[in-house]
Amino acid sequence: MGRRLSIFASPELQAVRATTRAIPADVAKVLNRETRKEVNPLWQAAVRGRVRTPLQRKVLGDTATASVTRLNVLLNAAKKGAPLSGGGRRQRLWIGAEFGASRGVDTLGRSLAKRFGPRNTNPGKVIYPAAFEVVPKVGAIWVKNTAAVVADAFDV
């Protein structure tokens, strides 16, 4: 259900992929760093702007990062960080924070719906809407930075 930019539908992204495969490692390192500098704040702002509860802030908002490789840009959340004060791990809590809970209780008899909010499976509450907004912008940033960094590297 996630939004993707198809490399097969975009000649610009095909050019970026061919270019990033062919450039030297030191130029690729500069490209990745410059792209990450622009994408990271954009992604973090989009995620934090949709956070509504303290649990969403701790699990999703505080861990939103972007990583860039030669072949793609990854938008991450809930992949890092120490366990929460109650012992909950972000990697396990993100589903409840993103989609809520229908009914049921946890092992201590507490209502899951109170903790995670009402169930919302389509399209999510925080990450999916943020990705829908940010992914096209990320593609444009990646194309722009590839052209600029390659032009600077080869003094074109």
N, C-alpha and C. Protein backbone atom coordinates (compact mmCIF):
# COMPACT_ATOMS: atom_id res chain seq x y z
N MET A 1 0.80 -1.18 0.00
CA MET A 1 0.00 0.00 0.00
C MET A 1 0.86 1.26 0.00
N GLY A 2 2.13 1.14 0.33
CA GLY A 2 2.98 2.30 0.39
C GLY A 2 3.16 2.96 -0.97
N ARG A 3 3.48 4.21 -0.97
CA ARG A 3 3.68 4.93 -2.21
C ARG A 3 5.13 4.76 -2.64
N ARG A 4 5.33 4.46 -3.89
CA ARG A 4 6.66 4.31 -4.44
C ARG A 4 6.79 5.14 -5.69
N LEU A 5 8.00 5.54 -5.97
CA LEU A 5 8.30 6.13 -7.25
C LEU A 5 8.86 5.03 -8.11
N SER A 6 8.25 4.75 -9.21
CA SER A 6 8.71 3.67 -10.08
C SER A 6 9.83 4.17 -10.97
N ILE A 7 10.92 3.46 -10.94
CA ILE A 7 12.04 3.82 -11.80
C ILE A 7 11.69 3.57 -13.26
N PHE A 8 10.75 2.66 -13.49
CA PHE A 8 10.37 2.34 -14.87
C PHE A 8 9.48 3.41 -15.49
N ALA A 9 8.85 4.22 -14.68
CA ALA A 9 7.96 5.26 -15.19
C ALA A 9 8.63 6.63 -15.23
N SER A 10 9.86 6.73 -14.76
CA SER A 10 10.51 8.03 -14.67
C SER A 10 11.89 8.00 -15.33
N PRO A 11 12.05 8.68 -16.47
CA PRO A 11 13.37 8.73 -17.10
C PRO A 11 14.41 9.44 -16.23
N GLU A 12 13.95 10.39 -15.40
CA GLU A 12 14.88 11.09 -14.51
C GLU A 12 15.48 10.12 -13.48
N LEU A 13 14.62 9.27 -12.90
CA LEU A 13 15.12 8.31 -11.92
C LEU A 13 15.98 7.24 -12.58
N GLN A 14 15.70 6.89 -13.82
CA GLN A 14 16.56 5.94 -14.53
C GLN A 14 17.94 6.56 -14.73
N ALA A 15 17.98 7.84 -15.06
CA ALA A 15 19.26 8.53 -15.23
C ALA A 15 20.02 8.61 -13.91
N VAL A 16 19.31 8.87 -12.81
CA VAL A 16 19.95 8.92 -11.49
C VAL A 16 20.55 7.56 -11.15
N ARG A 17 19.80 6.51 -11.38
CA ARG A 17 20.30 5.16 -11.06
C ARG A 17 21.54 4.84 -11.88
N ALA A 18 21.51 5.12 -13.17
CA ALA A 18 22.67 4.84 -14.01
C ALA A 18 23.87 5.68 -13.57
N THR A 19 23.62 6.93 -13.22
CA THR A 19 24.70 7.82 -12.79
C THR A 19 25.30 7.37 -11.47
N THR A 20 24.45 7.06 -10.49
CA THR A 20 24.98 6.68 -9.18
C THR A 20 25.73 5.35 -9.23
N ARG A 21 25.41 4.49 -10.16
CA ARG A 21 26.16 3.25 -10.31
C ARG A 21 27.53 3.49 -10.93
N ALA A 22 27.64 4.53 -11.75
CA ALA A 22 28.86 4.75 -12.51
C ALA A 22 29.85 5.71 -11.84
N ILE A 23 29.41 6.52 -10.90
CA ILE A 23 30.30 7.53 -10.31
C ILE A 23 31.26 6.88 -9.31
N PRO A 24 32.41 7.50 -9.10
CA PRO A 24 33.36 6.98 -8.12
C PRO A 24 32.79 7.03 -6.70
N ALA A 25 33.38 6.24 -5.82
CA ALA A 25 32.89 6.12 -4.45
C ALA A 25 32.93 7.44 -3.70
N ASP A 26 33.97 8.25 -3.90
CA ASP A 26 34.06 9.51 -3.16
C ASP A 26 32.98 10.49 -3.60
N VAL A 27 32.62 10.48 -4.86
CA VAL A 27 31.54 11.34 -5.34
C VAL A 27 30.19 10.84 -4.81
N ALA A 28 30.03 9.52 -4.79
CA ALA A 28 28.79 8.93 -4.25
C ALA A 28 28.63 9.28 -2.77
N LYS A 29 29.73 9.30 -2.04
CA LYS A 29 29.68 9.65 -0.62
C LYS A 29 29.20 11.08 -0.43
N VAL A 30 29.69 11.99 -1.25
CA VAL A 30 29.25 13.38 -1.18
C VAL A 30 27.78 13.49 -1.55
N LEU A 31 27.36 12.78 -2.60
CA LEU A 31 25.96 12.80 -3.02
C LEU A 31 25.05 12.28 -1.90
N ASN A 32 25.42 11.18 -1.28
CA ASN A 32 24.61 10.62 -0.20
C ASN A 32 24.52 11.58 0.98
N ARG A 33 25.63 12.21 1.33
CA ARG A 33 25.63 13.14 2.46
C ARG A 33 24.75 14.36 2.17
N GLU A 34 24.87 14.93 0.97
CA GLU A 34 24.08 16.11 0.62
C GLU A 34 22.59 15.77 0.55
N THR A 35 22.27 14.62 0.01
CA THR A 35 20.87 14.21 -0.08
C THR A 35 20.29 13.98 1.31
N ARG A 36 21.05 13.30 2.17
CA ARG A 36 20.59 13.03 3.54
C ARG A 36 20.38 14.34 4.30
N LYS A 37 21.24 15.33 4.08
CA LYS A 37 21.09 16.63 4.76
C LYS A 37 19.77 17.30 4.43
N GLU A 38 19.28 17.13 3.21
CA GLU A 38 18.02 17.75 2.82
C GLU A 38 16.81 16.89 3.17
N VAL A 39 16.94 15.58 3.02
CA VAL A 39 15.79 14.68 3.20
C VAL A 39 15.48 14.47 4.68
N ASN A 40 16.49 14.35 5.51
CA ASN A 40 16.27 14.07 6.94
C ASN A 40 15.35 15.09 7.61
N PRO A 41 15.62 16.40 7.52
CA PRO A 41 14.71 17.36 8.16
C PRO A 41 13.31 17.34 7.56
N LEU A 42 13.22 17.11 6.26
CA LEU A 42 11.92 17.05 5.60
C LEU A 42 11.10 15.88 6.14
N TRP A 43 11.71 14.71 6.24
CA TRP A 43 11.04 13.52 6.75
C TRP A 43 10.67 13.68 8.22
N GLN A 44 11.59 14.18 9.03
CA GLN A 44 11.32 14.36 10.45
C GLN A 44 10.18 15.35 10.68
N ALA A 45 10.15 16.43 9.94
CA ALA A 45 9.08 17.41 10.09
C ALA A 45 7.73 16.83 9.68
N ALA A 46 7.72 16.04 8.61
CA ALA A 46 6.46 15.43 8.16
C ALA A 46 5.93 14.45 9.19
N VAL A 47 6.81 13.65 9.78
CA VAL A 47 6.37 12.67 10.79
C VAL A 47 5.93 13.39 12.06
N ARG A 48 6.76 14.30 12.55
CA ARG A 48 6.43 15.00 13.80
C ARG A 48 5.19 15.87 13.66
N GLY A 49 4.90 16.34 12.48
CA GLY A 49 3.71 17.14 12.26
C GLY A 49 2.42 16.34 12.34
N ARG A 50 2.50 15.03 12.24
CA ARG A 50 1.31 14.18 12.29
C ARG A 50 1.14 13.45 13.62
N VAL A 51 2.11 13.56 14.49
CA VAL A 51 2.05 12.89 15.79
C VAL A 51 0.97 13.54 16.65
N ARG A 52 0.12 12.73 17.28
CA ARG A 52 -0.96 13.25 18.10
C ARG A 52 -0.88 12.81 19.56
N THR A 53 -0.19 11.72 19.85
CA THR A 53 -0.13 11.20 21.22
C THR A 53 1.31 11.10 21.69
N PRO A 54 1.54 11.06 23.00
CA PRO A 54 2.90 10.88 23.50
C PRO A 54 3.53 9.57 23.03
N LEU A 55 2.74 8.52 22.92
CA LEU A 55 3.29 7.24 22.44
C LEU A 55 3.76 7.36 21.00
N GLN A 56 2.98 8.00 20.15
CA GLN A 56 3.40 8.21 18.77
C GLN A 56 4.67 9.05 18.70
N ARG A 57 4.76 10.06 19.56
CA ARG A 57 5.96 10.90 19.57
C ARG A 57 7.19 10.08 19.95
N LYS A 58 7.07 9.27 21.00
CA LYS A 58 8.21 8.49 21.47
C LYS A 58 8.61 7.40 20.48
N VAL A 59 7.61 6.73 19.93
CA VAL A 59 7.90 5.58 19.07
C VAL A 59 8.22 5.99 17.64
N LEU A 60 7.47 6.92 17.08
CA LEU A 60 7.62 7.28 15.67
C LEU A 60 8.33 8.61 15.46
N GLY A 61 7.90 9.65 16.17
CA GLY A 61 8.44 10.98 15.94
C GLY A 61 9.90 11.14 16.31
N ASP A 62 10.29 10.56 17.45
CA ASP A 62 11.66 10.72 17.92
C ASP A 62 12.66 9.85 17.16
N THR A 63 12.19 8.92 16.36
CA THR A 63 13.10 8.00 15.69
C THR A 63 13.09 8.14 14.17
N ALA A 64 12.41 9.12 13.63
CA ALA A 64 12.33 9.29 12.18
C ALA A 64 13.67 9.73 11.62
N THR A 65 14.22 8.94 10.71
CA THR A 65 15.48 9.27 10.05
C THR A 65 15.42 8.84 8.59
N ALA A 66 16.30 9.40 7.81
CA ALA A 66 16.43 8.99 6.41
C ALA A 66 17.85 8.49 6.20
N SER A 67 17.97 7.44 5.41
CA SER A 67 19.29 6.95 5.04
C SER A 67 19.36 6.88 3.52
N VAL A 68 20.53 7.18 2.99
CA VAL A 68 20.70 7.26 1.55
C VAL A 68 21.83 6.33 1.13
N THR A 69 21.58 5.54 0.10
CA THR A 69 22.62 4.69 -0.49
C THR A 69 22.75 5.07 -1.96
N ARG A 70 23.60 4.37 -2.66
CA ARG A 70 23.76 4.65 -4.08
C ARG A 70 22.49 4.40 -4.86
N LEU A 71 21.68 3.45 -4.42
CA LEU A 71 20.53 3.04 -5.21
C LEU A 71 19.18 3.47 -4.67
N ASN A 72 19.11 3.95 -3.41
CA ASN A 72 17.80 4.35 -2.91
C ASN A 72 17.91 5.27 -1.71
N VAL A 73 16.76 5.82 -1.36
CA VAL A 73 16.61 6.64 -0.17
C VAL A 73 15.59 5.93 0.72
N LEU A 74 15.97 5.62 1.95
CA LEU A 74 15.09 4.91 2.87
C LEU A 74 14.58 5.87 3.93
N LEU A 75 13.28 5.86 4.15
CA LEU A 75 12.67 6.67 5.19
C LEU A 75 12.30 5.74 6.33
N ASN A 76 12.96 5.91 7.47
CA ASN A 76 12.80 5.00 8.60
C ASN A 76 12.12 5.68 9.78
N ALA A 77 11.50 4.86 10.61
CA ALA A 77 10.98 5.29 11.91
C ALA A 77 10.87 4.04 12.77
N ALA A 78 11.06 4.18 14.06
CA ALA A 78 10.94 3.10 15.04
C ALA A 78 11.97 2.00 14.83
N LYS A 79 13.12 2.33 14.26
CA LYS A 79 14.14 1.32 14.04
C LYS A 79 15.30 1.45 15.00
N LYS A 80 15.32 2.49 15.79
CA LYS A 80 16.46 2.69 16.69
C LYS A 80 15.96 3.20 18.03
N GLY A 81 16.84 3.26 18.97
CA GLY A 81 16.49 3.82 20.27
C GLY A 81 16.39 2.78 21.35
N ALA A 82 16.64 3.21 22.57
CA ALA A 82 16.56 2.34 23.73
C ALA A 82 15.10 1.99 24.02
N PRO A 83 14.87 0.92 24.75
CA PRO A 83 13.48 0.60 25.14
C PRO A 83 12.86 1.75 25.92
N LEU A 84 11.56 1.85 25.84
CA LEU A 84 10.84 2.89 26.57
C LEU A 84 10.88 2.60 28.06
N SER A 85 10.44 3.55 28.87
CA SER A 85 10.55 3.42 30.32
C SER A 85 9.82 2.19 30.87
N GLY A 86 8.75 1.78 30.24
CA GLY A 86 8.02 0.59 30.69
C GLY A 86 8.59 -0.71 30.15
N GLY A 87 9.64 -0.62 29.33
CA GLY A 87 10.27 -1.80 28.77
C GLY A 87 9.85 -2.10 27.34
N GLY A 88 8.87 -1.37 26.83
CA GLY A 88 8.41 -1.61 25.46
C GLY A 88 9.46 -1.24 24.44
N ARG A 89 9.56 -2.05 23.41
CA ARG A 89 10.53 -1.79 22.34
C ARG A 89 9.82 -1.10 21.18
N ARG A 90 10.45 -0.08 20.66
CA ARG A 90 9.86 0.70 19.56
C ARG A 90 9.54 -0.17 18.35
N GLN A 91 10.41 -1.14 18.08
CA GLN A 91 10.21 -2.00 16.92
C GLN A 91 8.93 -2.82 17.02
N ARG A 92 8.44 -3.03 18.22
CA ARG A 92 7.20 -3.78 18.40
C ARG A 92 5.98 -2.88 18.57
N LEU A 93 6.18 -1.68 19.08
CA LEU A 93 5.07 -0.78 19.36
C LEU A 93 4.63 0.06 18.17
N TRP A 94 5.44 0.11 17.11
CA TRP A 94 5.12 1.02 16.02
C TRP A 94 3.81 0.66 15.33
N ILE A 95 3.47 -0.61 15.25
CA ILE A 95 2.24 -1.00 14.56
C ILE A 95 1.03 -0.45 15.30
N GLY A 96 1.01 -0.59 16.62
CA GLY A 96 -0.09 -0.04 17.41
C GLY A 96 -0.14 1.47 17.35
N ALA A 97 1.04 2.11 17.37
CA ALA A 97 1.08 3.57 17.30
C ALA A 97 0.62 4.07 15.94
N GLU A 98 0.92 3.33 14.89
CA GLU A 98 0.54 3.75 13.54
C GLU A 98 -0.91 3.41 13.20
N PHE A 99 -1.37 2.23 13.56
CA PHE A 99 -2.68 1.76 13.12
C PHE A 99 -3.72 1.67 14.22
N GLY A 100 -3.33 1.82 15.48
CA GLY A 100 -4.28 1.72 16.58
C GLY A 100 -4.57 0.27 16.94
N ALA A 101 -5.58 0.07 17.77
CA ALA A 101 -5.97 -1.27 18.19
C ALA A 101 -7.49 -1.35 18.20
N SER A 102 -8.00 -2.51 17.89
CA SER A 102 -9.46 -2.66 17.87
C SER A 102 -9.96 -2.95 19.27
N ARG A 103 -9.86 -4.15 19.71
CA ARG A 103 -10.29 -4.52 21.05
C ARG A 103 -9.21 -5.36 21.69
N GLY A 104 -9.45 -5.76 22.88
CA GLY A 104 -8.53 -6.65 23.54
C GLY A 104 -7.80 -5.98 24.67
N VAL A 105 -7.08 -6.79 25.41
CA VAL A 105 -6.32 -6.31 26.55
C VAL A 105 -4.92 -6.86 26.45
N ASP A 106 -3.99 -6.17 27.11
CA ASP A 106 -2.62 -6.68 27.15
C ASP A 106 -2.50 -7.71 28.27
N THR A 107 -1.30 -8.15 28.55
CA THR A 107 -1.10 -9.21 29.54
C THR A 107 -1.47 -8.77 30.96
N LEU A 108 -1.55 -7.48 31.21
CA LEU A 108 -1.91 -6.99 32.54
C LEU A 108 -3.39 -6.61 32.63
N GLY A 109 -4.16 -6.86 31.57
CA GLY A 109 -5.58 -6.58 31.59
C GLY A 109 -5.97 -5.16 31.23
N ARG A 110 -5.02 -4.37 30.71
CA ARG A 110 -5.32 -3.00 30.32
C ARG A 110 -5.83 -2.96 28.88
N SER A 111 -6.72 -2.04 28.60
CA SER A 111 -7.30 -1.93 27.27
C SER A 111 -6.27 -1.45 26.26
N LEU A 112 -6.14 -2.17 25.16
CA LEU A 112 -5.22 -1.76 24.11
C LEU A 112 -5.75 -0.55 23.35
N ALA A 113 -7.07 -0.46 23.19
CA ALA A 113 -7.64 0.66 22.45
C ALA A 113 -7.38 1.98 23.17
N LYS A 114 -7.35 1.98 24.50
CA LYS A 114 -7.05 3.21 25.23
C LYS A 114 -5.61 3.64 24.99
N ARG A 115 -4.71 2.69 24.95
CA ARG A 115 -3.31 3.00 24.79
C ARG A 115 -2.97 3.43 23.37
N PHE A 116 -3.49 2.71 22.37
CA PHE A 116 -3.11 2.95 20.98
C PHE A 116 -4.12 3.76 20.19
N GLY A 117 -5.29 3.99 20.73
CA GLY A 117 -6.31 4.72 20.01
C GLY A 117 -7.13 3.78 19.14
N PRO A 118 -8.16 4.32 18.50
CA PRO A 118 -9.03 3.47 17.68
C PRO A 118 -8.28 2.93 16.46
N ARG A 119 -8.75 1.81 15.98
CA ARG A 119 -8.14 1.13 14.83
C ARG A 119 -8.33 1.97 13.57
N ASN A 120 -7.24 2.16 12.83
CA ASN A 120 -7.27 2.88 11.56
C ASN A 120 -6.29 2.17 10.63
N THR A 121 -6.80 1.27 9.80
CA THR A 121 -5.92 0.48 8.97
C THR A 121 -5.58 1.12 7.64
N ASN A 122 -6.36 2.10 7.24
CA ASN A 122 -6.13 2.64 5.92
C ASN A 122 -6.20 4.16 5.95
N PRO A 123 -5.19 4.88 5.74
CA PRO A 123 -3.83 4.52 5.40
C PRO A 123 -2.86 4.66 6.57
N GLY A 124 -3.29 4.54 7.78
CA GLY A 124 -2.42 4.74 8.92
C GLY A 124 -2.65 6.12 9.51
N LYS A 125 -1.89 6.43 10.57
CA LYS A 125 -2.08 7.71 11.25
C LYS A 125 -0.91 8.67 11.09
N VAL A 126 0.30 8.15 11.04
CA VAL A 126 1.48 9.02 11.06
C VAL A 126 2.40 8.74 9.87
N ILE A 127 2.98 7.57 9.81
CA ILE A 127 4.02 7.25 8.84
C ILE A 127 3.50 7.23 7.41
N TYR A 128 2.42 6.54 7.17
CA TYR A 128 1.90 6.44 5.80
C TYR A 128 1.50 7.80 5.23
N PRO A 129 0.72 8.61 5.96
CA PRO A 129 0.41 9.94 5.42
C PRO A 129 1.66 10.81 5.21
N ALA A 130 2.63 10.69 6.12
CA ALA A 130 3.87 11.46 5.96
C ALA A 130 4.62 11.00 4.72
N ALA A 131 4.66 9.70 4.48
CA ALA A 131 5.34 9.18 3.30
C ALA A 131 4.64 9.62 2.02
N PHE A 132 3.29 9.62 2.02
CA PHE A 132 2.56 10.08 0.84
C PHE A 132 2.94 11.51 0.49
N GLU A 133 3.18 12.33 1.49
CA GLU A 133 3.56 13.72 1.25
C GLU A 133 5.01 13.86 0.82
N VAL A 134 5.91 13.09 1.43
CA VAL A 134 7.34 13.32 1.29
C VAL A 134 7.97 12.61 0.10
N VAL A 135 7.49 11.45 -0.28
CA VAL A 135 8.15 10.64 -1.31
C VAL A 135 8.36 11.40 -2.62
N PRO A 136 7.38 12.09 -3.17
CA PRO A 136 7.65 12.84 -4.41
C PRO A 136 8.73 13.92 -4.23
N LYS A 137 8.73 14.57 -3.09
CA LYS A 137 9.75 15.59 -2.82
C LYS A 137 11.13 14.96 -2.72
N VAL A 138 11.21 13.79 -2.11
CA VAL A 138 12.49 13.09 -1.98
C VAL A 138 13.04 12.74 -3.36
N GLY A 139 12.16 12.26 -4.24
CA GLY A 139 12.60 11.96 -5.61
C GLY A 139 13.17 13.18 -6.31
N ALA A 140 12.51 14.30 -6.16
CA ALA A 140 12.98 15.54 -6.78
C ALA A 140 14.32 15.98 -6.19
N ILE A 141 14.46 15.86 -4.88
CA ILE A 141 15.72 16.24 -4.22
C ILE A 141 16.85 15.34 -4.70
N TRP A 142 16.58 14.06 -4.82
CA TRP A 142 17.61 13.11 -5.25
C TRP A 142 18.08 13.41 -6.67
N VAL A 143 17.15 13.70 -7.57
CA VAL A 143 17.51 14.04 -8.95
C VAL A 143 18.32 15.33 -8.98
N LYS A 144 17.86 16.34 -8.25
CA LYS A 144 18.55 17.64 -8.23
C LYS A 144 19.97 17.50 -7.67
N ASN A 145 20.10 16.79 -6.55
CA ASN A 145 21.42 16.64 -5.94
C ASN A 145 22.36 15.82 -6.80
N THR A 146 21.85 14.80 -7.47
CA THR A 146 22.71 14.00 -8.35
C THR A 146 23.28 14.88 -9.46
N ALA A 147 22.43 15.67 -10.08
CA ALA A 147 22.92 16.56 -11.14
C ALA A 147 23.95 17.56 -10.61
N ALA A 148 23.67 18.15 -9.45
CA ALA A 148 24.57 19.17 -8.90
C ALA A 148 25.90 18.58 -8.46
N VAL A 149 25.88 17.45 -7.77
CA VAL A 149 27.12 16.85 -7.25
C VAL A 149 27.98 16.32 -8.38
N VAL A 150 27.37 15.70 -9.36
CA VAL A 150 28.14 15.18 -10.50
C VAL A 150 28.74 16.33 -11.30
N ALA A 151 27.97 17.41 -11.49
CA ALA A 151 28.51 18.57 -12.20
C ALA A 151 29.67 19.19 -11.45
N ASP A 152 29.56 19.29 -10.12
CA ASP A 152 30.67 19.82 -9.32
C ASP A 152 31.89 18.91 -9.35
N ALA A 153 31.65 17.61 -9.29
CA ALA A 153 32.77 16.65 -9.24
C ALA A 153 33.57 16.66 -10.53
N PHE A 154 32.90 16.82 -11.63
CA PHE A 154 33.59 16.77 -12.92
C PHE A 154 33.77 18.15 -13.54
N ASP A 155 33.46 19.20 -12.78
CA ASP A 155 33.62 20.59 -13.21
C ASP A 155 32.99 20.84 -14.58
N VAL A 156 31.75 20.43 -14.68
CA VAL A 156 31.03 20.61 -15.95
C VAL A 156 30.44 21.99 -16.00
